[in-house]
């Protein structure tokens, strides 16, 4: 049994699938989503509960919520939370990992319980991060030439600062060396998820992943299902359909070519799975998005 499951956000089919909003947050019911959510508290007071663990929300708190973590937010009735909220795909963090794998490890952690979900910034650092978020907001709301470049630069800066603060917090709280669990003994789902995200357009099976990561297919299937709440094949289909959506939205490719480009073995299977996932046909999806202009 899961709470509300959000799997779409505005702008997700554009060339840079990044969405941002600034809002007063009174109460958000328990929910999960399959994209990353980055939040900065500007003003107000409240609490947030992530996977059953509650923390305070106050100015200077930055939260990095990974896909499928369940959370809710409650504001102080007399002092509502004012937040910046950013949504983007997990691929953004995987790209950071290509620049520095240690940065990737800190942001994702070996498991949900081994990473910080939030940091609390004081004074100067809070001002610095608030300026970065303000810059992203200005570029997002008033796009100009190279706005996407500016957005990516500031997002990388913010995520890197989150990782730096998280690393410092972990080092300050680290147990004695003899009581630590060796990293090699911690079974992490994220390298597997990262590989799936990088190779989902190829022929990819549980057996392929099992051979690569040295995990029995049934155990691997259980890990994916536990993290995502869906089976491996459904995750693979969802990623491929999302790729197809971006092509339907941003190109004039023939739909049969899009089916092949998106990793489907035949047009009939593509059409069937696309309709099952989106509730409409690929052609209907393309028509419904004709009037939308992706951010430059």
Protein backbone atom coordinates (compact mmCIF):
# COMPACT_ATOMS: atom_id res chain seq x y z
CA UNK A 1 0.00 0.00 0.00
CA UNK A 2 1.48 3.31 -1.11
CA UNK A 3 0.26 6.91 -0.74
CA UNK A 4 -0.37 9.13 -3.75
CA UNK A 5 2.12 8.44 -6.52
CA UNK A 6 3.12 11.39 -8.75
CA UNK A 7 4.84 10.50 -12.00
CA UNK A 8 4.61 13.72 -14.03
CA UNK A 9 5.58 17.34 -13.53
CA UNK A 10 5.43 20.42 -15.80
CA UNK A 11 8.16 20.77 -18.40
CA UNK A 12 9.29 17.16 -18.03
CA UNK A 13 9.13 16.52 -21.79
CA UNK A 14 11.35 19.46 -22.75
CA UNK A 15 15.00 19.28 -23.78
CA UNK A 16 15.97 20.09 -20.16
CA UNK A 17 13.25 18.49 -17.99
CA UNK A 18 13.58 20.88 -15.06
CA UNK A 19 10.63 22.47 -13.21
CA UNK A 20 10.72 25.10 -10.48
CA UNK A 21 8.18 26.91 -8.34
CA UNK A 22 8.15 29.30 -5.41
CA UNK A 23 5.15 28.94 -3.13
CA UNK A 24 3.62 29.14 0.31
CA UNK A 25 3.17 25.59 1.58
CA UNK A 26 0.47 24.98 4.17
CA UNK A 27 0.07 21.21 4.09
CA UNK A 28 1.09 18.51 1.64
CA UNK A 29 -0.44 15.05 2.12
CA UNK A 30 1.76 11.97 2.12
CA UNK A 31 2.93 11.10 -1.39
CA UNK A 32 5.84 9.82 -3.46
CA UNK A 33 7.12 10.48 -6.97
CA UNK A 34 9.61 8.93 -9.36
CA UNK A 35 11.66 12.09 -9.88
CA UNK A 36 14.01 14.09 -7.67
CA UNK A 37 12.69 16.97 -5.59
CA UNK A 38 15.04 19.65 -4.26
CA UNK A 39 13.58 22.10 -1.72
CA UNK A 40 14.93 25.23 -0.03
CA UNK A 41 13.05 26.77 2.92
CA UNK A 42 13.08 30.57 2.62
CA UNK A 43 10.74 31.53 5.44
CA UNK A 44 8.29 30.04 7.93
CA UNK A 45 8.22 27.03 10.20
CA UNK A 46 6.92 23.49 9.92
CA UNK A 47 7.85 19.83 9.73
CA UNK A 48 8.48 17.28 7.01
CA UNK A 49 8.26 13.51 7.41
CA UNK A 50 10.34 11.38 5.02
CA UNK A 51 9.92 7.61 5.16
CA UNK A 52 8.51 7.91 8.68
CA UNK A 53 11.27 10.20 10.05
CA UNK A 54 10.27 13.77 10.91
CA UNK A 55 12.55 16.80 10.81
CA UNK A 56 11.99 20.51 11.30
CA UNK A 57 11.53 22.82 8.33
CA UNK A 58 12.87 26.33 8.94
CA UNK A 59 14.84 28.93 6.95
CA UNK A 60 18.12 27.48 5.67
CA UNK A 61 16.92 23.88 5.40
CA UNK A 62 17.60 22.27 2.02
CA UNK A 63 16.05 18.87 1.30
CA UNK A 64 17.09 16.43 -1.42
CA UNK A 65 14.30 13.91 -1.88
CA UNK A 66 15.15 10.92 -4.07
CA UNK A 67 12.60 9.02 -6.16
CA UNK A 68 10.06 6.92 -4.28
CA UNK A 69 10.73 8.32 -0.83
CA UNK A 70 7.40 8.96 0.88
CA UNK A 71 7.01 12.41 2.43
CA UNK A 72 4.56 14.99 3.68
CA UNK A 73 4.89 18.62 4.84
CA UNK A 74 2.95 20.48 7.53
CA UNK A 75 3.36 24.22 8.16
CA UNK A 76 2.96 26.12 11.40
CA UNK A 77 -0.57 27.57 11.00
CA UNK A 78 0.70 30.99 12.11
CA UNK A 79 3.92 30.94 10.10
CA UNK A 80 3.50 29.08 6.79
CA UNK A 81 6.49 27.75 4.91
CA UNK A 82 7.76 29.65 1.88
CA UNK A 83 9.68 27.27 -0.36
CA UNK A 84 11.59 26.96 -3.56
CA UNK A 85 10.80 23.54 -5.05
CA UNK A 86 12.68 22.04 -8.00
CA UNK A 87 11.82 18.82 -9.84
CA UNK A 88 14.16 17.04 -12.24
CA UNK A 89 15.02 13.48 -13.31
CA UNK A 90 17.51 11.27 -11.53
CA UNK A 91 19.71 11.48 -14.62
CA UNK A 92 20.93 14.91 -13.45
CA UNK A 93 22.59 13.31 -10.42
CA UNK A 94 24.00 10.49 -12.55
CA UNK A 95 25.60 13.17 -14.77
CA UNK A 96 27.25 14.69 -11.71
CA UNK A 97 28.58 11.25 -10.90
CA UNK A 98 30.43 11.21 -14.22
CA UNK A 99 32.37 14.28 -13.09
CA UNK A 100 33.08 12.93 -9.61
CA UNK A 101 31.89 9.51 -8.47
CA UNK A 102 32.38 10.49 -4.82
CA UNK A 103 29.89 13.34 -5.27
CA UNK A 104 27.43 10.86 -6.75
CA UNK A 105 27.93 8.47 -3.80
CA UNK A 106 27.26 11.19 -1.22
CA UNK A 107 24.10 12.44 -2.94
CA UNK A 108 22.63 8.97 -3.40
CA UNK A 109 24.19 7.09 -0.50
CA UNK A 110 24.67 3.34 -0.35
CA UNK A 111 21.08 3.06 0.85
CA UNK A 112 18.31 5.41 1.92
CA UNK A 113 19.31 5.13 5.57
CA UNK A 114 22.99 5.98 4.91
CA UNK A 115 22.51 9.42 3.35
CA UNK A 116 21.35 12.79 4.60
CA UNK A 117 17.96 13.82 3.31
CA UNK A 118 18.46 17.43 4.38
CA UNK A 119 21.07 19.94 5.49
CA UNK A 120 20.70 23.06 7.63
CA UNK A 121 22.69 26.00 6.32
CA UNK A 122 23.64 28.93 8.50
CA UNK A 123 23.97 32.63 7.63
CA UNK A 124 26.52 33.14 4.84
CA UNK A 125 25.99 29.73 3.22
CA UNK A 126 22.22 30.18 3.34
CA UNK A 127 22.58 33.57 1.64
CA UNK A 128 24.81 32.01 -1.01
CA UNK A 129 22.41 29.17 -1.74
CA UNK A 130 19.42 31.50 -1.72
CA UNK A 131 21.18 33.57 -4.40
CA UNK A 132 21.72 30.44 -6.49
CA UNK A 133 18.05 29.51 -6.19
CA UNK A 134 17.05 33.10 -7.02
CA UNK A 135 19.23 32.94 -10.12
CA UNK A 136 17.61 29.65 -11.19
CA UNK A 137 14.18 31.15 -10.58
CA UNK A 138 14.93 34.22 -12.73
CA UNK A 139 16.26 32.07 -15.58
CA UNK A 140 13.31 29.71 -15.32
CA UNK A 141 10.62 32.40 -15.18
CA UNK A 142 12.21 34.69 -17.78
CA UNK A 143 14.11 32.45 -20.20
CA UNK A 144 16.77 34.10 -22.34
CA UNK A 145 19.47 32.73 -24.64
CA UNK A 146 21.54 30.15 -22.71
CA UNK A 147 19.09 30.02 -19.79
CA UNK A 148 19.37 26.24 -19.78
CA UNK A 149 23.14 26.51 -19.38
CA UNK A 150 22.72 28.90 -16.46
CA UNK A 151 20.12 26.65 -14.84
CA UNK A 152 22.39 23.61 -15.09
CA UNK A 153 25.36 25.49 -13.68
CA UNK A 154 23.41 26.73 -10.66
CA UNK A 155 21.75 23.37 -10.08
CA UNK A 156 25.15 21.65 -10.12
CA UNK A 157 26.45 24.27 -7.69
CA UNK A 158 23.55 23.72 -5.28
CA UNK A 159 23.78 19.92 -5.43
CA UNK A 160 27.54 20.04 -4.94
CA UNK A 161 27.10 22.23 -1.87
CA UNK A 162 24.50 19.79 -0.54
CA UNK A 163 27.00 16.94 -0.99
CA UNK A 164 29.79 18.91 0.67
CA UNK A 165 27.67 19.68 3.74
CA UNK A 166 26.38 16.12 3.89
CA UNK A 167 29.91 14.74 3.79
CA UNK A 168 30.96 17.04 6.61
CA UNK A 169 27.97 15.98 8.71
CA UNK A 170 28.71 12.29 8.11
CA UNK A 171 32.37 12.75 9.06
CA UNK A 172 31.42 14.59 12.25
CA UNK A 173 29.02 11.84 13.27
CA UNK A 174 31.04 8.85 12.02
CA UNK A 175 31.34 5.92 14.47
CA UNK A 176 34.76 4.51 15.41
CA UNK A 177 36.52 2.84 12.51
CA UNK A 178 36.24 -0.63 14.01
CA UNK A 179 32.43 -0.39 14.18
CA UNK A 180 31.86 0.84 10.65
CA UNK A 181 30.39 -1.46 8.03
CA UNK A 182 32.77 -1.68 5.04
CA UNK A 183 31.32 0.02 1.98
CA UNK A 184 31.90 -3.19 0.02
CA UNK A 185 29.48 -4.99 2.33
CA UNK A 186 26.63 -2.54 1.79
CA UNK A 187 24.44 -3.65 -1.07
CA UNK A 188 23.41 -0.54 -2.99
CA UNK A 189 20.59 -0.33 -5.52
CA UNK A 190 21.83 2.96 -7.03
CA UNK A 191 24.65 1.68 -9.27
CA UNK A 192 22.09 -0.72 -10.73
CA UNK A 193 19.49 2.01 -11.17
CA UNK A 194 22.16 4.21 -12.75
CA UNK A 195 23.05 1.46 -15.21
CA UNK A 196 19.39 0.95 -16.11
CA UNK A 197 18.97 4.70 -16.72
CA UNK A 198 22.03 4.73 -19.00
CA UNK A 199 21.19 1.59 -20.99
CA UNK A 200 17.37 1.36 -21.05
CA UNK A 201 17.30 1.93 -24.83
CA UNK A 202 19.35 -1.23 -25.34
CA UNK A 203 18.26 -4.84 -25.02
CA UNK A 204 18.34 -5.17 -21.25
CA UNK A 205 17.20 -8.06 -19.06
CA UNK A 206 17.42 -9.07 -15.43
CA UNK A 207 19.91 -11.72 -16.49
CA UNK A 208 22.15 -9.05 -18.05
CA UNK A 209 22.05 -7.05 -14.82
CA UNK A 210 22.57 -10.18 -12.72
CA UNK A 211 25.74 -11.05 -14.64
CA UNK A 212 27.07 -7.50 -14.46
CA UNK A 213 26.44 -6.88 -10.76
CA UNK A 214 26.81 -10.40 -9.40
CA UNK A 215 23.32 -10.56 -7.88
CA UNK A 216 20.86 -13.40 -8.40
CA UNK A 217 18.04 -12.33 -10.75
CA UNK A 218 15.33 -12.94 -8.12
CA UNK A 219 17.22 -10.87 -5.54
CA UNK A 220 17.80 -8.15 -8.09
CA UNK A 221 14.12 -8.14 -9.02
CA UNK A 222 13.19 -7.83 -5.36
CA UNK A 223 15.60 -4.90 -4.87
CA UNK A 224 14.12 -3.00 -7.83
CA UNK A 225 10.56 -3.68 -6.72
CA UNK A 226 11.32 -2.63 -3.15
CA UNK A 227 12.84 0.66 -4.34
CA UNK A 228 10.35 1.50 -7.10
CA UNK A 229 7.18 -0.29 -6.12
CA UNK A 230 6.98 -1.77 -9.63
CA UNK A 231 8.61 -4.70 -11.41
CA UNK A 232 11.82 -4.34 -13.42
CA UNK A 233 10.07 -4.73 -16.78
CA UNK A 234 7.55 -2.02 -15.86
CA UNK A 235 10.39 0.31 -14.89
CA UNK A 236 12.09 -0.40 -18.21
CA UNK A 237 8.87 0.27 -20.13
CA UNK A 238 8.27 3.51 -18.22
CA UNK A 239 11.75 4.84 -19.03
CA UNK A 240 11.32 3.95 -22.69
CA UNK A 241 7.88 5.56 -22.86
CA UNK A 242 9.28 8.73 -21.31
CA UNK A 243 12.00 8.80 -23.95
CA UNK A 244 9.35 8.35 -26.62
CA UNK A 245 7.32 11.22 -25.12
CA UNK A 246 10.27 13.58 -25.41
CA UNK A 247 10.71 12.62 -29.08
CA UNK A 248 6.99 12.98 -29.80
CA UNK A 249 7.05 16.38 -28.16
CA UNK A 250 10.27 17.82 -29.55
CA UNK A 251 10.77 16.20 -32.99
CA UNK A 252 8.92 15.43 -36.21
CA UNK A 253 10.13 11.83 -36.34
CA UNK A 254 7.74 9.22 -37.64
CA UNK A 255 6.06 7.39 -34.78
CA UNK A 256 7.26 4.02 -36.09
CA UNK A 257 10.83 5.34 -35.97
CA UNK A 258 10.27 6.65 -32.44
CA UNK A 259 9.14 3.18 -31.38
CA UNK A 260 12.42 1.69 -32.61
CA UNK A 261 14.52 4.57 -31.24
CA UNK A 262 12.89 4.11 -27.81
CA UNK A 263 13.98 0.49 -27.48
CA UNK A 264 10.76 -1.33 -28.38
CA UNK A 265 10.96 -4.47 -30.50
CA UNK A 266 7.87 -3.68 -32.55
CA UNK A 267 5.42 -0.86 -33.15
CA UNK A 268 2.53 -2.94 -31.83
CA UNK A 269 4.20 -3.51 -28.46
CA UNK A 270 5.17 0.18 -28.33
CA UNK A 271 1.60 1.31 -29.04
CA UNK A 272 0.15 -1.10 -26.49
CA UNK A 273 2.59 -0.20 -23.71
CA UNK A 274 2.39 3.53 -24.47
CA UNK A 275 -1.41 3.48 -24.21
CA UNK A 276 -1.25 1.45 -21.00
CA UNK A 277 1.19 3.95 -19.47
CA UNK A 278 -0.24 7.24 -20.73
CA UNK A 279 -3.89 6.38 -21.34
CA UNK A 280 -3.74 7.72 -24.92
CA UNK A 281 -2.06 6.71 -28.17
CA UNK A 282 1.32 8.11 -29.27
CA UNK A 283 -0.41 10.12 -32.01
CA UNK A 284 -2.91 11.60 -29.53
CA UNK A 285 -0.06 12.46 -27.17
CA UNK A 286 1.82 14.30 -29.94
CA UNK A 287 -1.28 16.29 -30.93
CA UNK A 288 -2.04 17.24 -27.32
CA UNK A 289 1.50 18.65 -26.88
CA UNK A 290 1.70 20.58 -30.14
CA UNK A 291 0.87 23.89 -28.46
CA UNK A 292 3.49 23.53 -25.72
CA UNK A 293 6.86 25.16 -26.27
CA UNK A 294 9.87 23.72 -24.46
CA UNK A 295 12.13 26.12 -22.56
CA UNK A 296 15.14 27.26 -24.57
